[in-house]
All heavy atoms as atom14 arrays in JSON, in Angstrom:
{
  "sequence": "RKQNMVYLQMNSLKPEDTGTYYCALQKQDSDYDAFTPRGMDFWG",
  "atom14_mask": [
    [1, 1, 1, 1, 1, 1, 1, 1, 1, 1, 1, 0, 0, 0],
    [1, 1, 1, 1, 1, 1, 1, 1, 1, 0, 0, 0, 0, 0],
    [1, 1, 1, 1, 1, 1, 1, 1, 1, 0, 0, 0, 0, 0],
    [1, 1, 1, 1, 1, 1, 1, 1, 0, 0, 0, 0, 0, 0],
    [1, 1, 1, 1, 1, 1, 1, 1, 0, 0, 0, 0, 0, 0],
    [1, 1, 1, 1, 1, 1, 1, 0, 0, 0, 0, 0, 0, 0],
    [1, 1, 1, 1, 1, 1, 1, 1, 1, 1, 1, 1, 0, 0],
    [1, 1, 1, 1, 1, 1, 1, 1, 0, 0, 0, 0, 0, 0],
    [1, 1, 1, 1, 1, 1, 1, 1, 1, 0, 0, 0, 0, 0],
    [1, 1, 1, 1, 1, 1, 1, 1, 0, 0, 0, 0, 0, 0],
    [1, 1, 1, 1, 1, 1, 1, 1, 0, 0, 0, 0, 0, 0],
    [1, 1, 1, 1, 1, 1, 0, 0, 0, 0, 0, 0, 0, 0],
    [1, 1, 1, 1, 1, 1, 1, 1, 0, 0, 0, 0, 0, 0],
    [1, 1, 1, 1, 1, 1, 1, 1, 1, 0, 0, 0, 0, 0],
    [1, 1, 1, 1, 1, 1, 1, 0, 0, 0, 0, 0, 0, 0],
    [1, 1, 1, 1, 1, 1, 1, 1, 1, 0, 0, 0, 0, 0],
    [1, 1, 1, 1, 1, 1, 1, 1, 0, 0, 0, 0, 0, 0],
    [1, 1, 1, 1, 1, 1, 1, 0, 0, 0, 0, 0, 0, 0],
    [1, 1, 1, 1, 0, 0, 0, 0, 0, 0, 0, 0, 0, 0],
    [1, 1, 1, 1, 1, 1, 1, 0, 0, 0, 0, 0, 0, 0],
    [1, 1, 1, 1, 1, 1, 1, 1, 1, 1, 1, 1, 0, 0],
    [1, 1, 1, 1, 1, 1, 1, 1, 1, 1, 1, 1, 0, 0],
    [1, 1, 1, 1, 1, 1, 0, 0, 0, 0, 0, 0, 0, 0],
    [1, 1, 1, 1, 1, 0, 0, 0, 0, 0, 0, 0, 0, 0],
    [1, 1, 1, 1, 1, 1, 1, 1, 0, 0, 0, 0, 0, 0],
    [1, 1, 1, 1, 1, 1, 1, 1, 1, 0, 0, 0, 0, 0],
    [1, 1, 1, 1, 1, 1, 1, 1, 1, 0, 0, 0, 0, 0],
    [1, 1, 1, 1, 1, 1, 1, 1, 1, 0, 0, 0, 0, 0],
    [1, 1, 1, 1, 1, 1, 1, 1, 0, 0, 0, 0, 0, 0],
    [1, 1, 1, 1, 1, 1, 0, 0, 0, 0, 0, 0, 0, 0],
    [1, 1, 1, 1, 1, 1, 1, 1, 0, 0, 0, 0, 0, 0],
    [1, 1, 1, 1, 1, 1, 1, 1, 1, 1, 1, 1, 0, 0],
    [1, 1, 1, 1, 1, 1, 1, 1, 0, 0, 0, 0, 0, 0],
    [1, 1, 1, 1, 1, 0, 0, 0, 0, 0, 0, 0, 0, 0],
    [1, 1, 1, 1, 1, 1, 1, 1, 1, 1, 1, 0, 0, 0],
    [1, 1, 1, 1, 1, 1, 1, 0, 0, 0, 0, 0, 0, 0],
    [1, 1, 1, 1, 1, 1, 1, 0, 0, 0, 0, 0, 0, 0],
    [1, 1, 1, 1, 1, 1, 1, 1, 1, 1, 1, 0, 0, 0],
    [1, 1, 1, 1, 0, 0, 0, 0, 0, 0, 0, 0, 0, 0],
    [1, 1, 1, 1, 1, 1, 1, 1, 0, 0, 0, 0, 0, 0],
    [1, 1, 1, 1, 1, 1, 1, 1, 0, 0, 0, 0, 0, 0],
    [1, 1, 1, 1, 1, 1, 1, 1, 1, 1, 1, 0, 0, 0],
    [1, 1, 1, 1, 1, 1, 1, 1, 1, 1, 1, 1, 1, 1],
    [1, 1, 1, 1, 0, 0, 0, 0, 0, 0, 0, 0, 0, 0]
  ],
  "atom14_positions": [
    [[-94.85, 54.16, 234.71], [-93.67, 54.45, 235.59], [-94.12, 55.04, 236.95], [-93.74, 54.48, 237.92], [-92.83, 55.44, 234.99], [-92.02, 54.74, 233.72], [-91.16, 55.91, 233.09], [-90.21, 55.49, 232.04], [-89.51, 56.22, 231.32], [-89.61, 57.45, 231.25], [-88.66, 55.58, 230.52], [0.0, 0.0, 0.0], [0.0, 0.0, 0.0], [0.0, 0.0, 0.0]],
    [[-95.04, 55.97, 236.94], [-95.55, 56.55, 238.23], [-96.16, 55.51, 239.13], [-96.2, 55.76, 240.39], [-96.34, 57.8, 237.94], [-97.68, 57.57, 237.2], [-98.32, 58.83, 236.93], [-99.59, 58.64, 236.17], [-100.24, 59.92, 235.84], [0.0, 0.0, 0.0], [0.0, 0.0, 0.0], [0.0, 0.0, 0.0], [0.0, 0.0, 0.0], [0.0, 0.0, 0.0]],
    [[-96.86, 54.58, 238.51], [-97.46, 53.63, 239.36], [-96.74, 52.31, 239.57], [-97.17, 51.39, 240.44], [-98.81, 53.2, 238.64], [-99.83, 54.25, 238.63], [-101.12, 53.85, 237.99], [-101.17, 53.46, 236.78], [-102.23, 53.96, 238.66], [0.0, 0.0, 0.0], [0.0, 0.0, 0.0], [0.0, 0.0, 0.0], [0.0, 0.0, 0.0], [0.0, 0.0, 0.0]],
    [[-95.52, 52.17, 239.06], [-94.74, 50.81, 239.05], [-95.59, 49.73, 238.69], [-95.6, 48.76, 239.32], [-94.12, 50.72, 240.43], [-92.87, 51.55, 240.6], [-92.55, 52.62, 239.95], [-92.06, 51.21, 241.62], [0.0, 0.0, 0.0], [0.0, 0.0, 0.0], [0.0, 0.0, 0.0], [0.0, 0.0, 0.0], [0.0, 0.0, 0.0], [0.0, 0.0, 0.0]],
    [[-96.34, 49.84, 237.58], [-97.22, 48.88, 237.05], [-96.85, 48.47, 235.69], [-96.41, 49.24, 234.84], [-98.63, 49.34, 237.17], [-99.14, 49.64, 238.56], [-99.53, 48.21, 239.46], [-101.02, 47.61, 238.58], [0.0, 0.0, 0.0], [0.0, 0.0, 0.0], [0.0, 0.0, 0.0], [0.0, 0.0, 0.0], [0.0, 0.0, 0.0], [0.0, 0.0, 0.0]],
    [[-97.04, 47.13, 235.31], [-96.91, 46.71, 234.06], [-98.24, 45.91, 233.71], [-98.67, 45.23, 234.56], [-95.73, 45.73, 233.78], [-95.67, 45.14, 232.49], [-94.4, 46.54, 234.0], [0.0, 0.0, 0.0], [0.0, 0.0, 0.0], [0.0, 0.0, 0.0], [0.0, 0.0, 0.0], [0.0, 0.0, 0.0], [0.0, 0.0, 0.0], [0.0, 0.0, 0.0]],
    [[-98.7, 46.22, 232.49], [-100.04, 45.64, 232.1], [-99.84, 44.61, 230.9], [-98.94, 44.86, 230.1], [-101.02, 46.63, 231.82], [-101.11, 47.68, 232.82], [-100.49, 48.83, 232.91], [-102.03, 47.26, 233.86], [-100.69, 49.77, 233.95], [-102.22, 48.3, 234.94], [-101.58, 49.55, 234.96], [-101.78, 50.35, 235.85], [0.0, 0.0, 0.0], [0.0, 0.0, 0.0]],
    [[-100.71, 43.67, 230.73], [-100.75, 42.96, 229.63], [-102.11, 42.9, 229.13], [-103.07, 42.24, 229.8], [-100.32, 41.47, 229.84], [-100.22, 40.52, 228.61], [-99.12, 41.0, 227.66], [-100.0, 39.15, 228.99], [0.0, 0.0, 0.0], [0.0, 0.0, 0.0], [0.0, 0.0, 0.0], [0.0, 0.0, 0.0], [0.0, 0.0, 0.0], [0.0, 0.0, 0.0]],
    [[-102.47, 43.59, 228.12], [-103.77, 43.57, 227.47], [-103.88, 42.36, 226.51], [-103.07, 42.3, 225.58], [-103.97, 45.0, 226.74], [-105.43, 44.93, 226.08], [-106.55, 44.99, 227.06], [-106.53, 45.68, 228.12], [-107.61, 44.1, 226.83], [0.0, 0.0, 0.0], [0.0, 0.0, 0.0], [0.0, 0.0, 0.0], [0.0, 0.0, 0.0], [0.0, 0.0, 0.0]],
    [[-104.85, 41.54, 226.82], [-105.02, 40.29, 226.02], [-106.38, 40.42, 225.26], [-107.41, 40.4, 225.93], [-104.88, 39.07, 226.91], [-103.65, 38.99, 227.68], [-103.4, 37.37, 228.59], [-104.89, 37.54, 229.67], [0.0, 0.0, 0.0], [0.0, 0.0, 0.0], [0.0, 0.0, 0.0], [0.0, 0.0, 0.0], [0.0, 0.0, 0.0], [0.0, 0.0, 0.0]],
    [[-106.22, 40.27, 223.91], [-107.38, 40.43, 223.11], [-107.55, 39.19, 222.24], [-106.63, 38.53, 222.07], [-107.46, 41.67, 222.26], [-107.52, 42.96, 223.05], [-108.11, 43.04, 224.07], [-106.88, 43.91, 222.47], [0.0, 0.0, 0.0], [0.0, 0.0, 0.0], [0.0, 0.0, 0.0], [0.0, 0.0, 0.0], [0.0, 0.0, 0.0], [0.0, 0.0, 0.0]],
    [[-108.66, 38.9, 221.72], [-108.81, 37.77, 220.88], [-108.35, 36.6, 221.4], [-107.63, 35.68, 220.82], [-108.21, 38.0, 219.49], [-108.76, 39.19, 218.85], [0.0, 0.0, 0.0], [0.0, 0.0, 0.0], [0.0, 0.0, 0.0], [0.0, 0.0, 0.0], [0.0, 0.0, 0.0], [0.0, 0.0, 0.0], [0.0, 0.0, 0.0], [0.0, 0.0, 0.0]],
    [[-108.71, 36.19, 222.56], [-108.12, 35.08, 223.31], [-108.68, 33.79, 222.77], [-109.76, 33.63, 222.34], [-108.66, 35.23, 224.9], [-107.81, 36.2, 225.65], [-108.55, 36.49, 226.97], [-106.45, 35.65, 226.0], [0.0, 0.0, 0.0], [0.0, 0.0, 0.0], [0.0, 0.0, 0.0], [0.0, 0.0, 0.0], [0.0, 0.0, 0.0], [0.0, 0.0, 0.0]],
    [[-107.66, 32.78, 222.85], [-107.81, 31.6, 222.34], [-107.67, 30.47, 223.39], [-107.01, 30.89, 224.42], [-106.8, 31.16, 221.26], [-106.7, 32.19, 220.08], [-105.51, 31.93, 219.23], [-105.45, 32.88, 218.03], [-104.26, 32.6, 217.19], [0.0, 0.0, 0.0], [0.0, 0.0, 0.0], [0.0, 0.0, 0.0], [0.0, 0.0, 0.0], [0.0, 0.0, 0.0]],
    [[-108.34, 29.32, 223.26], [-108.11, 28.26, 224.34], [-106.81, 27.95, 224.71], [-106.48, 27.74, 225.81], [-108.87, 27.07, 223.73], [-109.86, 27.67, 222.78], [-109.21, 28.79, 222.18], [0.0, 0.0, 0.0], [0.0, 0.0, 0.0], [0.0, 0.0, 0.0], [0.0, 0.0, 0.0], [0.0, 0.0, 0.0], [0.0, 0.0, 0.0], [0.0, 0.0, 0.0]],
    [[-105.78, 27.99, 223.72], [-104.38, 27.67, 224.06], [-103.81, 28.83, 224.9], [-102.71, 28.64, 225.4], [-103.62, 27.5, 222.72], [-103.73, 28.72, 221.73], [-104.75, 28.33, 220.67], [-105.84, 27.8, 220.99], [-104.47, 28.58, 219.53], [0.0, 0.0, 0.0], [0.0, 0.0, 0.0], [0.0, 0.0, 0.0], [0.0, 0.0, 0.0], [0.0, 0.0, 0.0]],
    [[-104.45, 29.97, 225.11], [-103.92, 31.07, 225.95], [-104.21, 30.67, 227.46], [-103.76, 31.29, 228.34], [-104.63, 32.36, 225.62], [-104.25, 32.86, 224.35], [-103.04, 32.77, 223.93], [-105.1, 33.46, 223.64], [0.0, 0.0, 0.0], [0.0, 0.0, 0.0], [0.0, 0.0, 0.0], [0.0, 0.0, 0.0], [0.0, 0.0, 0.0], [0.0, 0.0, 0.0]],
    [[-104.97, 29.58, 227.65], [-105.29, 29.12, 229.01], [-103.99, 28.73, 229.77], [-103.01, 28.08, 229.31], [-106.14, 27.97, 229.07], [-107.52, 28.53, 228.48], [-106.35, 27.39, 230.44], [0.0, 0.0, 0.0], [0.0, 0.0, 0.0], [0.0, 0.0, 0.0], [0.0, 0.0, 0.0], [0.0, 0.0, 0.0], [0.0, 0.0, 0.0], [0.0, 0.0, 0.0]],
    [[-103.97, 29.26, 231.05], [-102.82, 28.73, 231.87], [-102.52, 29.97, 232.81], [-103.27, 30.93, 232.97], [0.0, 0.0, 0.0], [0.0, 0.0, 0.0], [0.0, 0.0, 0.0], [0.0, 0.0, 0.0], [0.0, 0.0, 0.0], [0.0, 0.0, 0.0], [0.0, 0.0, 0.0], [0.0, 0.0, 0.0], [0.0, 0.0, 0.0], [0.0, 0.0, 0.0]],
    [[-101.4, 29.73, 233.59], [-101.01, 30.72, 234.56], [-100.03, 31.74, 233.87], [-99.12, 31.34, 233.24], [-100.35, 30.07, 235.75], [-101.32, 28.98, 236.32], [-99.94, 31.0, 236.71], [0.0, 0.0, 0.0], [0.0, 0.0, 0.0], [0.0, 0.0, 0.0], [0.0, 0.0, 0.0], [0.0, 0.0, 0.0], [0.0, 0.0, 0.0], [0.0, 0.0, 0.0]],
    [[-100.23, 32.98, 234.17], [-99.53, 34.06, 233.73], [-98.63, 34.57, 234.88], [-99.17, 34.99, 235.87], [-100.32, 35.19, 233.0], [-100.76, 34.73, 231.7], [-102.01, 33.85, 231.56], [-100.13, 35.08, 230.54], [-102.32, 33.33, 230.28], [-100.64, 34.75, 229.3], [-101.74, 33.81, 229.13], [-102.14, 33.39, 227.98], [0.0, 0.0, 0.0], [0.0, 0.0, 0.0]],
    [[-97.32, 34.68, 234.66], [-96.4, 35.18, 235.61], [-95.69, 36.35, 235.14], [-95.46, 36.56, 233.97], [-95.37, 34.12, 235.88], [-95.77, 32.78, 236.57], [-96.2, 31.82, 235.71], [-95.91, 32.54, 237.83], [-96.59, 30.49, 236.16], [-96.32, 31.38, 238.27], [-96.67, 30.34, 237.44], [-97.11, 29.11, 237.91], [0.0, 0.0, 0.0], [0.0, 0.0, 0.0]],
    [[-95.6, 37.34, 236.03], [-94.77, 38.51, 235.86], [-93.37, 38.36, 236.38], [-93.41, 37.88, 237.67], [-95.62, 39.71, 236.54], [-94.77, 41.38, 236.16], [0.0, 0.0, 0.0], [0.0, 0.0, 0.0], [0.0, 0.0, 0.0], [0.0, 0.0, 0.0], [0.0, 0.0, 0.0], [0.0, 0.0, 0.0], [0.0, 0.0, 0.0], [0.0, 0.0, 0.0]],
    [[-92.42, 38.65, 235.76], [-91.05, 38.43, 236.19], [-90.2, 39.66, 235.89], [-90.35, 40.34, 234.85], [-90.43, 37.18, 235.57], [0.0, 0.0, 0.0], [0.0, 0.0, 0.0], [0.0, 0.0, 0.0], [0.0, 0.0, 0.0], [0.0, 0.0, 0.0], [0.0, 0.0, 0.0], [0.0, 0.0, 0.0], [0.0, 0.0, 0.0], [0.0, 0.0, 0.0]],
    [[-89.36, 40.01, 236.76], [-88.42, 41.1, 236.67], [-86.88, 40.57, 236.31], [-86.45, 39.59, 236.93], [-88.33, 41.97, 237.86], [-89.38, 43.01, 238.18], [-90.82, 42.48, 238.1], [-89.1, 43.78, 239.52], [0.0, 0.0, 0.0], [0.0, 0.0, 0.0], [0.0, 0.0, 0.0], [0.0, 0.0, 0.0], [0.0, 0.0, 0.0], [0.0, 0.0, 0.0]],
    [[-86.36, 41.27, 235.39], [-84.92, 40.88, 234.95], [-84.07, 42.17, 234.99], [-84.45, 43.16, 234.41], [-85.03, 40.36, 233.55], [-83.73, 39.94, 233.0], [-83.79, 39.39, 231.55], [-84.58, 39.98, 230.71], [-83.1, 38.36, 231.28], [0.0, 0.0, 0.0], [0.0, 0.0, 0.0], [0.0, 0.0, 0.0], [0.0, 0.0, 0.0], [0.0, 0.0, 0.0]],
    [[-82.99, 42.06, 235.58], [-81.96, 43.17, 235.61], [-81.5, 43.48, 234.23], [-81.38, 42.52, 233.45], [-80.79, 42.87, 236.53], [-81.19, 42.71, 237.98], [-79.91, 42.29, 238.8], [-80.39, 42.23, 240.3], [-79.3, 41.65, 241.08], [0.0, 0.0, 0.0], [0.0, 0.0, 0.0], [0.0, 0.0, 0.0], [0.0, 0.0, 0.0], [0.0, 0.0, 0.0]],
    [[-81.36, 44.67, 233.83], [-80.99, 45.03, 232.46], [-79.55, 44.52, 232.03], [-79.28, 44.49, 230.93], [-81.01, 46.47, 232.21], [-82.48, 46.94, 232.22], [-82.59, 48.45, 231.86], [-81.57, 49.14, 231.82], [-83.85, 48.8, 231.48], [0.0, 0.0, 0.0], [0.0, 0.0, 0.0], [0.0, 0.0, 0.0], [0.0, 0.0, 0.0], [0.0, 0.0, 0.0]],
    [[-78.74, 44.14, 233.14], [-77.38, 43.64, 232.74], [-77.38, 42.08, 232.88], [-76.26, 41.4, 232.96], [-76.35, 44.12, 233.84], [-76.73, 43.75, 235.22], [-77.73, 43.25, 235.55], [-75.84, 44.18, 236.04], [0.0, 0.0, 0.0], [0.0, 0.0, 0.0], [0.0, 0.0, 0.0], [0.0, 0.0, 0.0], [0.0, 0.0, 0.0], [0.0, 0.0, 0.0]],
    [[-78.63, 41.48, 232.68], [-78.7, 40.01, 232.84], [-77.94, 39.34, 231.61], [-77.72, 39.92, 230.44], [-80.18, 39.52, 232.62], [-80.27, 38.29, 232.62], [0.0, 0.0, 0.0], [0.0, 0.0, 0.0], [0.0, 0.0, 0.0], [0.0, 0.0, 0.0], [0.0, 0.0, 0.0], [0.0, 0.0, 0.0], [0.0, 0.0, 0.0], [0.0, 0.0, 0.0]],
    [[-77.46, 38.05, 231.9], [-76.83, 37.31, 230.83], [-77.78, 36.56, 229.96], [-77.33, 35.94, 229.02], [-75.77, 36.35, 231.45], [-74.58, 36.9, 232.14], [-74.2, 38.01, 231.7], [-74.1, 36.4, 233.17], [0.0, 0.0, 0.0], [0.0, 0.0, 0.0], [0.0, 0.0, 0.0], [0.0, 0.0, 0.0], [0.0, 0.0, 0.0], [0.0, 0.0, 0.0]],
    [[-79.09, 36.66, 230.36], [-80.1, 35.96, 229.62], [-80.99, 36.85, 228.86], [-81.15, 38.01, 229.22], [-80.86, 35.09, 230.6], [-80.17, 34.06, 231.34], [-79.45, 34.29, 232.54], [-79.92, 32.75, 230.78], [-78.77, 33.29, 233.2], [-79.22, 31.77, 231.44], [-78.6, 32.17, 232.74], [-77.9, 31.15, 233.43], [0.0, 0.0, 0.0], [0.0, 0.0, 0.0]],
    [[-81.67, 36.29, 227.9], [-82.61, 37.17, 227.19], [-83.98, 37.14, 227.95], [-84.12, 36.46, 228.97], [-82.93, 36.6, 225.72], [-83.42, 35.29, 225.63], [-84.36, 34.99, 226.31], [-82.97, 34.52, 224.73], [0.0, 0.0, 0.0], [0.0, 0.0, 0.0], [0.0, 0.0, 0.0], [0.0, 0.0, 0.0], [0.0, 0.0, 0.0], [0.0, 0.0, 0.0]],
    [[-84.78, 38.04, 227.42], [-86.02, 38.33, 228.2], [-87.06, 37.1, 228.3], [-88.0, 37.14, 229.09], [-86.73, 39.52, 227.74], [0.0, 0.0, 0.0], [0.0, 0.0, 0.0], [0.0, 0.0, 0.0], [0.0, 0.0, 0.0], [0.0, 0.0, 0.0], [0.0, 0.0, 0.0], [0.0, 0.0, 0.0], [0.0, 0.0, 0.0], [0.0, 0.0, 0.0]],
    [[-86.82, 36.16, 227.5], [-87.78, 35.02, 227.45], [-87.28, 33.73, 228.04], [-87.81, 32.7, 227.84], [-88.26, 34.72, 225.93], [-89.38, 35.73, 225.49], [-89.72, 36.82, 226.18], [-89.99, 35.44, 224.25], [-90.68, 37.67, 225.73], [-91.05, 36.32, 223.88], [-91.37, 37.43, 224.55], [0.0, 0.0, 0.0], [0.0, 0.0, 0.0], [0.0, 0.0, 0.0]],
    [[-86.15, 33.88, 228.75], [-85.53, 32.73, 229.41], [-85.89, 32.75, 230.84], [-85.47, 33.58, 231.62], [-84.04, 32.83, 229.15], [-83.77, 32.79, 227.83], [-83.4, 31.58, 229.91], [0.0, 0.0, 0.0], [0.0, 0.0, 0.0], [0.0, 0.0, 0.0], [0.0, 0.0, 0.0], [0.0, 0.0, 0.0], [0.0, 0.0, 0.0], [0.0, 0.0, 0.0]],
    [[-86.66, 31.86, 231.34], [-87.18, 31.85, 232.77], [-86.03, 31.91, 233.77], [-86.2, 32.63, 234.8], [-88.06, 30.53, 232.91], [-88.58, 30.37, 231.45], [-87.47, 30.67, 230.56], [0.0, 0.0, 0.0], [0.0, 0.0, 0.0], [0.0, 0.0, 0.0], [0.0, 0.0, 0.0], [0.0, 0.0, 0.0], [0.0, 0.0, 0.0], [0.0, 0.0, 0.0]],
    [[-85.0, 31.11, 233.47], [-83.98, 31.14, 234.46], [-83.11, 32.39, 234.57], [-82.34, 32.59, 235.52], [-83.03, 29.97, 234.16], [-82.27, 30.1, 232.86], [-81.35, 28.89, 232.71], [-80.79, 28.91, 231.35], [-79.91, 27.99, 230.88], [-79.64, 26.94, 231.52], [-79.37, 28.21, 229.69], [0.0, 0.0, 0.0], [0.0, 0.0, 0.0], [0.0, 0.0, 0.0]],
    [[-83.3, 33.28, 233.61], [-82.73, 34.57, 233.66], [-83.44, 35.65, 234.52], [-82.86, 36.8, 234.73], [0.0, 0.0, 0.0], [0.0, 0.0, 0.0], [0.0, 0.0, 0.0], [0.0, 0.0, 0.0], [0.0, 0.0, 0.0], [0.0, 0.0, 0.0], [0.0, 0.0, 0.0], [0.0, 0.0, 0.0], [0.0, 0.0, 0.0], [0.0, 0.0, 0.0]],
    [[-84.64, 35.22, 234.96], [-85.39, 36.22, 235.69], [-84.84, 36.37, 237.17], [-84.49, 35.31, 237.73], [-86.91, 35.76, 235.74], [-87.46, 35.74, 234.33], [-87.37, 37.26, 233.4], [-86.16, 36.84, 232.17], [0.0, 0.0, 0.0], [0.0, 0.0, 0.0], [0.0, 0.0, 0.0], [0.0, 0.0, 0.0], [0.0, 0.0, 0.0], [0.0, 0.0, 0.0]],
    [[-84.97, 37.58, 237.73], [-84.45, 37.77, 239.08], [-85.67, 37.84, 240.13], [-85.32, 37.32, 241.3], [-83.8, 39.2, 239.08], [-82.46, 39.22, 238.16], [-81.59, 38.43, 238.6], [-82.44, 39.84, 237.26], [0.0, 0.0, 0.0], [0.0, 0.0, 0.0], [0.0, 0.0, 0.0], [0.0, 0.0, 0.0], [0.0, 0.0, 0.0], [0.0, 0.0, 0.0]],
    [[-86.73, 38.13, 239.82], [-87.81, 38.02, 240.71], [-89.11, 37.63, 239.91], [-89.32, 38.03, 238.82], [-88.13, 39.45, 241.3], [-86.92, 40.08, 241.92], [-86.12, 41.02, 241.3], [-86.6, 39.56, 243.25], [-84.94, 41.5, 241.99], [-85.36, 40.07, 243.85], [-84.57, 41.07, 243.27], [0.0, 0.0, 0.0], [0.0, 0.0, 0.0], [0.0, 0.0, 0.0]],
    [[-89.92, 36.89, 240.72], [-91.23, 36.35, 240.16], [-92.43, 36.61, 240.99], [-92.32, 36.56, 242.28], [-91.05, 34.77, 240.04], [-90.2, 34.31, 238.94], [-88.79, 34.02, 239.08], [-90.48, 34.02, 237.63], [-88.4, 33.56, 237.86], [-89.29, 33.53, 237.08], [-91.77, 33.98, 236.98], [-89.3, 33.06, 235.65], [-91.69, 33.57, 235.55], [-90.5, 33.14, 235.01]],
    [[-93.5, 36.91, 240.35], [-94.71, 36.88, 241.1], [-95.31, 35.42, 241.12], [-94.74, 34.54, 240.57], [0.0, 0.0, 0.0], [0.0, 0.0, 0.0], [0.0, 0.0, 0.0], [0.0, 0.0, 0.0], [0.0, 0.0, 0.0], [0.0, 0.0, 0.0], [0.0, 0.0, 0.0], [0.0, 0.0, 0.0], [0.0, 0.0, 0.0], [0.0, 0.0, 0.0]]
  ]
}
């Protein structure tokens, strides 16, 4: 919270984990669930 940072610790990585990872912000009053890309408000 104090750093305004979110982390993703990835262990035991597999070849299928390869790809681009995006961080996205979603307002808490969103009509979409957290895993729906179109429901995100801001993207890295």
